[in-house]
Amino acid sequence: YARKLPLDGLNFGVNAKVIRRIIGDFASSWGFGLDAGIQFENKSGWK
């Protein structure tokens, strides 16, 4: 999910992750986690 913030040029986003790992019939796992990111672009074009 991503959204623009009130400050012009500033955006943020988040990830919700589900991890599934399988090794045949020997073993398996479930995992859960989050990521977060931001981006900003100024008036001169630097990001």
All heavy atoms as atom14 arrays in JSON, in Angstrom:
{
  "sequence": "YARKLPLDGLNFGVNAKVIRRIIGDFASSWGFGLDAGIQFENKSGWK",
  "atom14_mask": [
    [1, 1, 1, 1, 1, 1, 1, 1, 1, 1, 1, 1, 0, 0],
    [1, 1, 1, 1, 1, 0, 0, 0, 0, 0, 0, 0, 0, 0],
    [1, 1, 1, 1, 1, 1, 1, 1, 1, 1, 1, 0, 0, 0],
    [1, 1, 1, 1, 1, 1, 1, 1, 1, 0, 0, 0, 0, 0],
    [1, 1, 1, 1, 1, 1, 1, 1, 0, 0, 0, 0, 0, 0],
    [1, 1, 1, 1, 1, 1, 1, 0, 0, 0, 0, 0, 0, 0],
    [1, 1, 1, 1, 1, 1, 1, 1, 0, 0, 0, 0, 0, 0],
    [1, 1, 1, 1, 1, 1, 1, 1, 0, 0, 0, 0, 0, 0],
    [1, 1, 1, 1, 0, 0, 0, 0, 0, 0, 0, 0, 0, 0],
    [1, 1, 1, 1, 1, 1, 1, 1, 0, 0, 0, 0, 0, 0],
    [1, 1, 1, 1, 1, 1, 1, 1, 0, 0, 0, 0, 0, 0],
    [1, 1, 1, 1, 1, 1, 1, 1, 1, 1, 1, 0, 0, 0],
    [1, 1, 1, 1, 0, 0, 0, 0, 0, 0, 0, 0, 0, 0],
    [1, 1, 1, 1, 1, 1, 1, 0, 0, 0, 0, 0, 0, 0],
    [1, 1, 1, 1, 1, 1, 1, 1, 0, 0, 0, 0, 0, 0],
    [1, 1, 1, 1, 1, 0, 0, 0, 0, 0, 0, 0, 0, 0],
    [1, 1, 1, 1, 1, 1, 1, 1, 1, 0, 0, 0, 0, 0],
    [1, 1, 1, 1, 1, 1, 1, 0, 0, 0, 0, 0, 0, 0],
    [1, 1, 1, 1, 1, 1, 1, 1, 0, 0, 0, 0, 0, 0],
    [1, 1, 1, 1, 1, 1, 1, 1, 1, 1, 1, 0, 0, 0],
    [1, 1, 1, 1, 1, 1, 1, 1, 1, 1, 1, 0, 0, 0],
    [1, 1, 1, 1, 1, 1, 1, 1, 0, 0, 0, 0, 0, 0],
    [1, 1, 1, 1, 1, 1, 1, 1, 0, 0, 0, 0, 0, 0],
    [1, 1, 1, 1, 0, 0, 0, 0, 0, 0, 0, 0, 0, 0],
    [1, 1, 1, 1, 1, 1, 1, 1, 0, 0, 0, 0, 0, 0],
    [1, 1, 1, 1, 1, 1, 1, 1, 1, 1, 1, 0, 0, 0],
    [1, 1, 1, 1, 1, 0, 0, 0, 0, 0, 0, 0, 0, 0],
    [1, 1, 1, 1, 1, 1, 0, 0, 0, 0, 0, 0, 0, 0],
    [1, 1, 1, 1, 1, 1, 0, 0, 0, 0, 0, 0, 0, 0],
    [1, 1, 1, 1, 1, 1, 1, 1, 1, 1, 1, 1, 1, 1],
    [1, 1, 1, 1, 0, 0, 0, 0, 0, 0, 0, 0, 0, 0],
    [1, 1, 1, 1, 1, 1, 1, 1, 1, 1, 1, 0, 0, 0],
    [1, 1, 1, 1, 0, 0, 0, 0, 0, 0, 0, 0, 0, 0],
    [1, 1, 1, 1, 1, 1, 1, 1, 0, 0, 0, 0, 0, 0],
    [1, 1, 1, 1, 1, 1, 1, 1, 0, 0, 0, 0, 0, 0],
    [1, 1, 1, 1, 1, 0, 0, 0, 0, 0, 0, 0, 0, 0],
    [1, 1, 1, 1, 0, 0, 0, 0, 0, 0, 0, 0, 0, 0],
    [1, 1, 1, 1, 1, 1, 1, 1, 0, 0, 0, 0, 0, 0],
    [1, 1, 1, 1, 1, 1, 1, 1, 1, 0, 0, 0, 0, 0],
    [1, 1, 1, 1, 1, 1, 1, 1, 1, 1, 1, 0, 0, 0],
    [1, 1, 1, 1, 1, 1, 1, 1, 1, 0, 0, 0, 0, 0],
    [1, 1, 1, 1, 1, 1, 1, 1, 0, 0, 0, 0, 0, 0],
    [1, 1, 1, 1, 1, 1, 1, 1, 1, 0, 0, 0, 0, 0],
    [1, 1, 1, 1, 1, 1, 0, 0, 0, 0, 0, 0, 0, 0],
    [1, 1, 1, 1, 0, 0, 0, 0, 0, 0, 0, 0, 0, 0],
    [1, 1, 1, 1, 1, 1, 1, 1, 1, 1, 1, 1, 1, 1],
    [1, 1, 1, 1, 1, 1, 1, 1, 1, 0, 0, 0, 0, 0]
  ],
  "atom14_positions": [
    [[0.87, -1.19, 0.0], [0.0, 0.0, 0.0], [0.89, 1.23, 0.0], [1.9, 1.28, 0.72], [-0.91, 0.02, 1.23], [-1.71, 1.31, 1.35], [-2.85, 1.52, 0.58], [-1.31, 2.32, 2.23], [-3.58, 2.69, 0.68], [-2.04, 3.5, 2.34], [-3.17, 3.68, 1.56], [-3.89, 4.84, 1.66], [0.0, 0.0, 0.0], [0.0, 0.0, 0.0]],
    [[0.53, 2.24, -0.82], [1.31, 3.46, -0.91], [0.38, 4.67, -0.91], [-0.76, 4.6, -1.39], [2.16, 3.46, -2.18], [0.0, 0.0, 0.0], [0.0, 0.0, 0.0], [0.0, 0.0, 0.0], [0.0, 0.0, 0.0], [0.0, 0.0, 0.0], [0.0, 0.0, 0.0], [0.0, 0.0, 0.0], [0.0, 0.0, 0.0], [0.0, 0.0, 0.0]],
    [[0.91, 5.78, -0.4], [0.1, 7.0, -0.35], [0.99, 8.24, -0.41], [2.1, 8.25, 0.13], [-0.73, 7.04, 0.94], [-1.72, 8.21, 0.98], [-2.72, 8.07, 2.09], [-3.7, 9.17, 2.07], [-4.77, 9.2, 1.29], [-5.02, 8.19, 0.46], [-5.6, 10.23, 1.34], [0.0, 0.0, 0.0], [0.0, 0.0, 0.0], [0.0, 0.0, 0.0]],
    [[0.49, 9.27, -1.08], [1.17, 10.55, -1.11], [0.88, 11.3, 0.19], [-0.26, 11.33, 0.67], [0.68, 11.4, -2.29], [1.03, 10.82, -3.65], [0.53, 11.73, -4.78], [0.9, 11.17, -6.14], [0.39, 12.04, -7.25], [0.0, 0.0, 0.0], [0.0, 0.0, 0.0], [0.0, 0.0, 0.0], [0.0, 0.0, 0.0], [0.0, 0.0, 0.0]],
    [[1.91, 11.91, 0.76], [1.76, 12.68, 1.98], [1.49, 14.15, 1.66], [1.72, 14.6, 0.53], [3.03, 12.54, 2.82], [3.27, 11.12, 3.36], [4.62, 11.05, 4.07], [2.16, 10.69, 4.31], [0.0, 0.0, 0.0], [0.0, 0.0, 0.0], [0.0, 0.0, 0.0], [0.0, 0.0, 0.0], [0.0, 0.0, 0.0], [0.0, 0.0, 0.0]],
    [[0.99, 14.91, 2.63], [0.67, 16.32, 2.36], [1.85, 17.14, 1.86], [1.67, 18.08, 1.09], [0.18, 16.82, 3.74], [-0.35, 15.6, 4.4], [0.53, 14.48, 3.96], [0.0, 0.0, 0.0], [0.0, 0.0, 0.0], [0.0, 0.0, 0.0], [0.0, 0.0, 0.0], [0.0, 0.0, 0.0], [0.0, 0.0, 0.0], [0.0, 0.0, 0.0]],
    [[3.07, 16.82, 2.29], [4.24, 17.52, 1.8], [4.48, 17.15, 0.34], [4.67, 15.97, 0.01], [5.46, 17.18, 2.65], [6.78, 17.83, 2.23], [6.68, 19.35, 2.3], [7.93, 17.32, 3.08], [0.0, 0.0, 0.0], [0.0, 0.0, 0.0], [0.0, 0.0, 0.0], [0.0, 0.0, 0.0], [0.0, 0.0, 0.0], [0.0, 0.0, 0.0]],
    [[4.5, 18.13, -0.53], [4.63, 17.87, -1.96], [5.92, 17.12, -2.26], [7.01, 17.52, -1.83], [4.62, 19.2, -2.72], [4.57, 18.99, -4.23], [3.92, 18.03, -4.67], [5.2, 19.78, -4.95], [0.0, 0.0, 0.0], [0.0, 0.0, 0.0], [0.0, 0.0, 0.0], [0.0, 0.0, 0.0], [0.0, 0.0, 0.0], [0.0, 0.0, 0.0]],
    [[5.82, 16.01, -3.0], [6.98, 15.22, -3.38], [7.32, 14.1, -2.42], [8.24, 13.31, -2.71], [0.0, 0.0, 0.0], [0.0, 0.0, 0.0], [0.0, 0.0, 0.0], [0.0, 0.0, 0.0], [0.0, 0.0, 0.0], [0.0, 0.0, 0.0], [0.0, 0.0, 0.0], [0.0, 0.0, 0.0], [0.0, 0.0, 0.0], [0.0, 0.0, 0.0]],
    [[6.63, 14.0, -1.29], [6.93, 12.97, -0.29], [5.87, 11.89, -0.3], [4.66, 12.17, -0.18], [7.01, 13.6, 1.1], [7.37, 12.65, 2.26], [8.74, 12.03, 2.05], [7.29, 13.38, 3.59], [0.0, 0.0, 0.0], [0.0, 0.0, 0.0], [0.0, 0.0, 0.0], [0.0, 0.0, 0.0], [0.0, 0.0, 0.0], [0.0, 0.0, 0.0]],
    [[6.29, 10.64, -0.46], [5.39, 9.49, -0.51], [5.89, 8.41, 0.44], [7.08, 8.32, 0.72], [5.32, 8.9, -1.92], [5.11, 9.97, -2.99], [4.24, 10.81, -2.87], [5.94, 9.92, -4.03], [0.0, 0.0, 0.0], [0.0, 0.0, 0.0], [0.0, 0.0, 0.0], [0.0, 0.0, 0.0], [0.0, 0.0, 0.0], [0.0, 0.0, 0.0]],
    [[4.96, 7.58, 0.91], [5.37, 6.46, 1.75], [4.62, 5.21, 1.32], [3.56, 5.27, 0.67], [5.1, 6.76, 3.24], [3.7, 6.42, 3.69], [3.42, 5.21, 4.31], [2.65, 7.32, 3.48], [2.13, 4.9, 4.71], [1.36, 7.02, 3.88], [1.1, 5.8, 4.51], [0.0, 0.0, 0.0], [0.0, 0.0, 0.0], [0.0, 0.0, 0.0]],
    [[5.15, 4.06, 1.7], [4.5, 2.79, 1.39], [4.88, 1.72, 2.39], [5.92, 1.81, 3.05], [0.0, 0.0, 0.0], [0.0, 0.0, 0.0], [0.0, 0.0, 0.0], [0.0, 0.0, 0.0], [0.0, 0.0, 0.0], [0.0, 0.0, 0.0], [0.0, 0.0, 0.0], [0.0, 0.0, 0.0], [0.0, 0.0, 0.0], [0.0, 0.0, 0.0]],
    [[4.04, 0.71, 2.51], [4.29, -0.4, 3.43], [4.0, -1.73, 2.71], [3.17, -1.8, 1.8], [3.44, -0.31, 4.71], [3.85, 0.89, 5.54], [1.95, -0.25, 4.37], [0.0, 0.0, 0.0], [0.0, 0.0, 0.0], [0.0, 0.0, 0.0], [0.0, 0.0, 0.0], [0.0, 0.0, 0.0], [0.0, 0.0, 0.0], [0.0, 0.0, 0.0]],
    [[4.72, -2.75, 3.13], [4.5, -4.12, 2.65], [4.15, -5.03, 3.83], [4.77, -4.93, 4.89], [5.76, -4.69, 1.99], [6.05, -4.08, 0.64], [5.15, -3.57, -0.03], [7.3, -4.13, 0.22], [0.0, 0.0, 0.0], [0.0, 0.0, 0.0], [0.0, 0.0, 0.0], [0.0, 0.0, 0.0], [0.0, 0.0, 0.0], [0.0, 0.0, 0.0]],
    [[3.21, -5.91, 3.61], [2.95, -7.02, 4.54], [3.31, -8.3, 3.8], [2.79, -8.58, 2.71], [1.49, -7.04, 4.97], [0.0, 0.0, 0.0], [0.0, 0.0, 0.0], [0.0, 0.0, 0.0], [0.0, 0.0, 0.0], [0.0, 0.0, 0.0], [0.0, 0.0, 0.0], [0.0, 0.0, 0.0], [0.0, 0.0, 0.0], [0.0, 0.0, 0.0]],
    [[4.23, -9.09, 4.38], [4.77, -10.26, 3.68], [4.38, -11.56, 4.4], [4.41, -11.64, 5.63], [6.3, -10.18, 3.61], [6.82, -8.96, 2.9], [8.34, -9.0, 2.76], [9.03, -8.98, 4.1], [10.5, -8.86, 3.96], [0.0, 0.0, 0.0], [0.0, 0.0, 0.0], [0.0, 0.0, 0.0], [0.0, 0.0, 0.0], [0.0, 0.0, 0.0]],
    [[4.04, -12.55, 3.59], [3.82, -13.91, 4.08], [4.85, -14.81, 3.4], [4.93, -14.84, 2.16], [2.4, -14.41, 3.77], [2.22, -15.83, 4.29], [1.36, -13.47, 4.37], [0.0, 0.0, 0.0], [0.0, 0.0, 0.0], [0.0, 0.0, 0.0], [0.0, 0.0, 0.0], [0.0, 0.0, 0.0], [0.0, 0.0, 0.0], [0.0, 0.0, 0.0]],
    [[5.65, -15.5, 4.18], [6.71, -16.36, 3.67], [6.34, -17.82, 3.88], [5.94, -18.22, 4.98], [8.05, -16.08, 4.37], [8.38, -14.58, 4.33], [9.17, -16.9, 3.74], [8.59, -14.03, 2.95], [0.0, 0.0, 0.0], [0.0, 0.0, 0.0], [0.0, 0.0, 0.0], [0.0, 0.0, 0.0], [0.0, 0.0, 0.0], [0.0, 0.0, 0.0]],
    [[6.48, -18.61, 2.84], [6.24, -20.05, 2.92], [7.45, -20.77, 2.34], [7.83, -20.53, 1.2], [4.99, -20.43, 2.14], [4.67, -21.92, 2.08], [4.36, -22.49, 3.43], [3.8, -23.85, 3.33], [3.72, -24.69, 4.36], [4.13, -24.32, 5.56], [3.2, -25.9, 4.19], [0.0, 0.0, 0.0], [0.0, 0.0, 0.0], [0.0, 0.0, 0.0]],
    [[8.08, -21.65, 3.13], [9.26, -22.39, 2.67], [8.99, -23.89, 2.87], [8.53, -24.32, 3.93], [10.5, -21.95, 3.45], [10.73, -20.45, 3.41], [12.02, -20.04, 4.07], [13.15, -20.48, 3.28], [14.42, -20.36, 3.67], [14.7, -19.84, 4.86], [15.41, -20.77, 2.9], [0.0, 0.0, 0.0], [0.0, 0.0, 0.0], [0.0, 0.0, 0.0]],
    [[9.3, -24.66, 1.83], [8.98, -26.1, 1.83], [10.2, -26.88, 1.37], [10.8, -26.57, 0.35], [7.79, -26.41, 0.9], [6.55, -25.61, 1.33], [7.48, -27.9, 0.9], [5.39, -25.73, 0.36], [0.0, 0.0, 0.0], [0.0, 0.0, 0.0], [0.0, 0.0, 0.0], [0.0, 0.0, 0.0], [0.0, 0.0, 0.0], [0.0, 0.0, 0.0]],
    [[10.57, -27.92, 2.13], [11.63, -28.84, 1.73], [11.02, -30.23, 1.64], [11.07, -31.03, 2.58], [12.8, -28.83, 2.74], [13.27, -27.41, 3.0], [13.95, -29.67, 2.21], [14.34, -27.3, 4.06], [0.0, 0.0, 0.0], [0.0, 0.0, 0.0], [0.0, 0.0, 0.0], [0.0, 0.0, 0.0], [0.0, 0.0, 0.0], [0.0, 0.0, 0.0]],
    [[10.39, -30.52, 0.5], [9.73, -31.8, 0.3], [8.79, -32.12, 1.46], [8.02, -31.27, 1.92], [0.0, 0.0, 0.0], [0.0, 0.0, 0.0], [0.0, 0.0, 0.0], [0.0, 0.0, 0.0], [0.0, 0.0, 0.0], [0.0, 0.0, 0.0], [0.0, 0.0, 0.0], [0.0, 0.0, 0.0], [0.0, 0.0, 0.0], [0.0, 0.0, 0.0]],
    [[8.87, -33.36, 1.93], [8.11, -33.78, 3.11], [8.93, -33.66, 4.39], [8.44, -34.01, 5.47], [7.66, -35.24, 2.96], [6.69, -35.42, 1.8], [5.94, -34.47, 1.52], [6.71, -36.5, 1.18], [0.0, 0.0, 0.0], [0.0, 0.0, 0.0], [0.0, 0.0, 0.0], [0.0, 0.0, 0.0], [0.0, 0.0, 0.0], [0.0, 0.0, 0.0]],
    [[10.15, -33.15, 4.26], [11.04, -33.12, 5.41], [10.69, -31.98, 6.37], [10.66, -32.18, 7.59], [12.5, -32.97, 4.95], [12.98, -34.09, 4.09], [12.96, -34.0, 2.71], [13.45, -35.25, 4.67], [13.4, -35.04, 1.92], [13.89, -36.3, 3.88], [13.87, -36.2, 2.49], [0.0, 0.0, 0.0], [0.0, 0.0, 0.0], [0.0, 0.0, 0.0]],
    [[10.46, -30.79, 5.84], [10.23, -29.64, 6.71], [9.53, -28.53, 5.93], [9.62, -28.46, 4.7], [11.55, -29.12, 7.28], [0.0, 0.0, 0.0], [0.0, 0.0, 0.0], [0.0, 0.0, 0.0], [0.0, 0.0, 0.0], [0.0, 0.0, 0.0], [0.0, 0.0, 0.0], [0.0, 0.0, 0.0], [0.0, 0.0, 0.0], [0.0, 0.0, 0.0]],
    [[8.86, -27.64, 6.65], [8.2, -26.49, 6.05], [8.09, -25.4, 7.11], [8.19, -25.66, 8.31], [6.82, -26.85, 5.5], [5.97, -27.29, 6.55], [0.0, 0.0, 0.0], [0.0, 0.0, 0.0], [0.0, 0.0, 0.0], [0.0, 0.0, 0.0], [0.0, 0.0, 0.0], [0.0, 0.0, 0.0], [0.0, 0.0, 0.0], [0.0, 0.0, 0.0]],
    [[7.9, -24.17, 6.65], [7.78, -23.07, 7.6], [6.85, -22.0, 7.08], [6.62, -21.88, 5.86], [9.15, -22.46, 7.89], [9.57, -21.61, 6.82], [0.0, 0.0, 0.0], [0.0, 0.0, 0.0], [0.0, 0.0, 0.0], [0.0, 0.0, 0.0], [0.0, 0.0, 0.0], [0.0, 0.0, 0.0], [0.0, 0.0, 0.0], [0.0, 0.0, 0.0]],
    [[6.32, -21.21, 8.0], [5.55, -20.01, 7.71], [6.28, -18.82, 8.34], [6.83, -18.93, 9.44], [4.14, -20.09, 8.29], [3.22, -21.03, 7.56], [2.92, -22.31, 7.9], [2.49, -20.75, 6.36], [2.04, -22.86, 7.0], [1.74, -21.91, 6.04], [2.38, -19.63, 5.53], [0.92, -22.0, 4.93], [1.55, -19.7, 4.42], [0.83, -20.87, 4.12]],
    [[6.27, -17.7, 7.63], [6.89, -16.5, 8.16], [6.05, -15.27, 7.85], [5.29, -15.25, 6.88], [0.0, 0.0, 0.0], [0.0, 0.0, 0.0], [0.0, 0.0, 0.0], [0.0, 0.0, 0.0], [0.0, 0.0, 0.0], [0.0, 0.0, 0.0], [0.0, 0.0, 0.0], [0.0, 0.0, 0.0], [0.0, 0.0, 0.0], [0.0, 0.0, 0.0]],
    [[6.19, -14.25, 8.68], [5.43, -13.02, 8.52], [6.33, -11.82, 8.83], [7.16, -11.89, 9.72], [4.21, -13.0, 9.46], [3.31, -14.19, 9.3], [3.5, -15.32, 10.06], [2.28, -14.17, 8.36], [2.69, -16.43, 9.91], [1.46, -15.28, 8.21], [1.66, -16.41, 8.99], [0.0, 0.0, 0.0], [0.0, 0.0, 0.0], [0.0, 0.0, 0.0]],
    [[6.15, -10.73, 8.08], [6.96, -9.55, 8.33], [6.43, -8.33, 7.62], [5.48, -8.4, 6.82], [0.0, 0.0, 0.0], [0.0, 0.0, 0.0], [0.0, 0.0, 0.0], [0.0, 0.0, 0.0], [0.0, 0.0, 0.0], [0.0, 0.0, 0.0], [0.0, 0.0, 0.0], [0.0, 0.0, 0.0], [0.0, 0.0, 0.0], [0.0, 0.0, 0.0]],
    [[7.05, -7.18, 7.89], [6.65, -5.91, 7.32], [7.87, -5.17, 6.77], [8.97, -5.27, 7.31], [5.98, -5.02, 8.37], [4.64, -5.49, 8.95], [4.21, -4.54, 10.06], [3.57, -5.57, 7.87], [0.0, 0.0, 0.0], [0.0, 0.0, 0.0], [0.0, 0.0, 0.0], [0.0, 0.0, 0.0], [0.0, 0.0, 0.0], [0.0, 0.0, 0.0]],
    [[7.65, -4.42, 5.66], [8.62, -3.49, 5.11], [7.98, -2.11, 5.1], [6.75, -1.98, 5.09], [9.02, -3.84, 3.68], [9.54, -5.26, 3.53], [10.13, -5.77, 4.48], [9.34, -5.84, 2.43], [0.0, 0.0, 0.0], [0.0, 0.0, 0.0], [0.0, 0.0, 0.0], [0.0, 0.0, 0.0], [0.0, 0.0, 0.0], [0.0, 0.0, 0.0]],
    [[8.82, -1.09, 5.05], [8.32, 0.28, 4.91], [9.29, 1.09, 4.08], [10.51, 0.89, 4.17], [8.12, 0.93, 6.28], [0.0, 0.0, 0.0], [0.0, 0.0, 0.0], [0.0, 0.0, 0.0], [0.0, 0.0, 0.0], [0.0, 0.0, 0.0], [0.0, 0.0, 0.0], [0.0, 0.0, 0.0], [0.0, 0.0, 0.0], [0.0, 0.0, 0.0]],
    [[8.77, 1.99, 3.26], [9.62, 2.79, 2.41], [9.09, 4.2, 2.23], [7.88, 4.45, 2.36], [0.0, 0.0, 0.0], [0.0, 0.0, 0.0], [0.0, 0.0, 0.0], [0.0, 0.0, 0.0], [0.0, 0.0, 0.0], [0.0, 0.0, 0.0], [0.0, 0.0, 0.0], [0.0, 0.0, 0.0], [0.0, 0.0, 0.0], [0.0, 0.0, 0.0]],
    [[9.98, 5.13, 1.93], [9.6, 6.5, 1.6], [10.38, 6.96, 0.37], [11.47, 6.46, 0.09], [9.86, 7.49, 2.76], [11.34, 7.5, 3.15], [8.97, 7.18, 3.95], [11.68, 8.57, 4.17], [0.0, 0.0, 0.0], [0.0, 0.0, 0.0], [0.0, 0.0, 0.0], [0.0, 0.0, 0.0], [0.0, 0.0, 0.0], [0.0, 0.0, 0.0]],
    [[9.81, 7.89, -0.37], [10.47, 8.54, -1.49], [10.2, 10.04, -1.41], [9.12, 10.46, -0.99], [9.97, 8.0, -2.83], [10.47, 6.64, -3.23], [9.98, 6.21, -4.59], [8.95, 6.69, -5.07], [10.72, 5.32, -5.24], [0.0, 0.0, 0.0], [0.0, 0.0, 0.0], [0.0, 0.0, 0.0], [0.0, 0.0, 0.0], [0.0, 0.0, 0.0]],
    [[11.19, 10.82, -1.84], [11.02, 12.27, -1.87], [11.73, 12.82, -3.1], [12.86, 12.43, -3.4], [11.59, 12.92, -0.61], [11.52, 14.42, -0.64], [10.32, 15.08, -0.5], [12.68, 15.18, -0.83], [10.25, 16.47, -0.54], [12.62, 16.56, -0.87], [11.39, 17.21, -0.72], [0.0, 0.0, 0.0], [0.0, 0.0, 0.0], [0.0, 0.0, 0.0]],
    [[11.05, 13.7, -3.82], [11.64, 14.38, -4.99], [11.57, 15.88, -4.77], [10.48, 16.43, -4.52], [10.9, 14.01, -6.27], [11.49, 14.65, -7.51], [10.8, 14.22, -8.8], [9.84, 13.44, -8.72], [11.23, 14.69, -9.88], [0.0, 0.0, 0.0], [0.0, 0.0, 0.0], [0.0, 0.0, 0.0], [0.0, 0.0, 0.0], [0.0, 0.0, 0.0]],
    [[12.74, 16.55, -4.85], [12.74, 17.99, -4.66], [12.47, 18.71, -5.98], [12.35, 18.09, -7.04], [14.04, 18.46, -4.0], [15.25, 18.24, -4.9], [15.14, 18.03, -6.11], [16.43, 18.28, -4.29], [0.0, 0.0, 0.0], [0.0, 0.0, 0.0], [0.0, 0.0, 0.0], [0.0, 0.0, 0.0], [0.0, 0.0, 0.0], [0.0, 0.0, 0.0]],
    [[12.41, 20.02, -5.93], [12.02, 20.79, -7.11], [13.07, 20.75, -8.22], [12.76, 21.0, -9.38], [11.75, 22.24, -6.7], [10.53, 22.37, -5.79], [10.26, 23.83, -5.43], [9.03, 23.94, -4.53], [8.75, 25.36, -4.16], [0.0, 0.0, 0.0], [0.0, 0.0, 0.0], [0.0, 0.0, 0.0], [0.0, 0.0, 0.0], [0.0, 0.0, 0.0]],
    [[14.3, 20.42, -7.88], [15.35, 20.35, -8.9], [15.44, 18.97, -9.54], [16.3, 18.74, -10.39], [16.7, 20.72, -8.28], [17.02, 19.85, -7.22], [0.0, 0.0, 0.0], [0.0, 0.0, 0.0], [0.0, 0.0, 0.0], [0.0, 0.0, 0.0], [0.0, 0.0, 0.0], [0.0, 0.0, 0.0], [0.0, 0.0, 0.0], [0.0, 0.0, 0.0]],
    [[14.58, 18.04, -9.14], [14.54, 16.73, -9.78], [15.35, 15.64, -9.1], [15.37, 14.51, -9.58], [0.0, 0.0, 0.0], [0.0, 0.0, 0.0], [0.0, 0.0, 0.0], [0.0, 0.0, 0.0], [0.0, 0.0, 0.0], [0.0, 0.0, 0.0], [0.0, 0.0, 0.0], [0.0, 0.0, 0.0], [0.0, 0.0, 0.0], [0.0, 0.0, 0.0]],
    [[16.03, 15.96, -8.0], [16.75, 14.92, -7.26], [15.74, 14.06, -6.49], [14.81, 14.58, -5.87], [17.75, 15.54, -6.29], [18.97, 16.06, -6.98], [19.21, 17.35, -7.35], [20.12, 15.3, -7.36], [20.44, 17.45, -7.96], [21.03, 16.21, -7.98], [20.48, 13.96, -7.25], [22.26, 15.82, -8.48], [21.71, 13.56, -7.74], [22.58, 14.47, -8.34]],
    [[15.95, 12.75, -6.54], [15.06, 11.82, -5.86], [15.81, 11.08, -4.75], [16.95, 10.66, -4.96], [14.5, 10.8, -6.86], [13.64, 11.43, -7.95], [13.1, 10.38, -8.91], [12.24, 11.03, -10.01], [11.7, 10.01, -10.94], [0.0, 0.0, 0.0], [0.0, 0.0, 0.0], [0.0, 0.0, 0.0], [0.0, 0.0, 0.0], [0.0, 0.0, 0.0]]
  ]
}
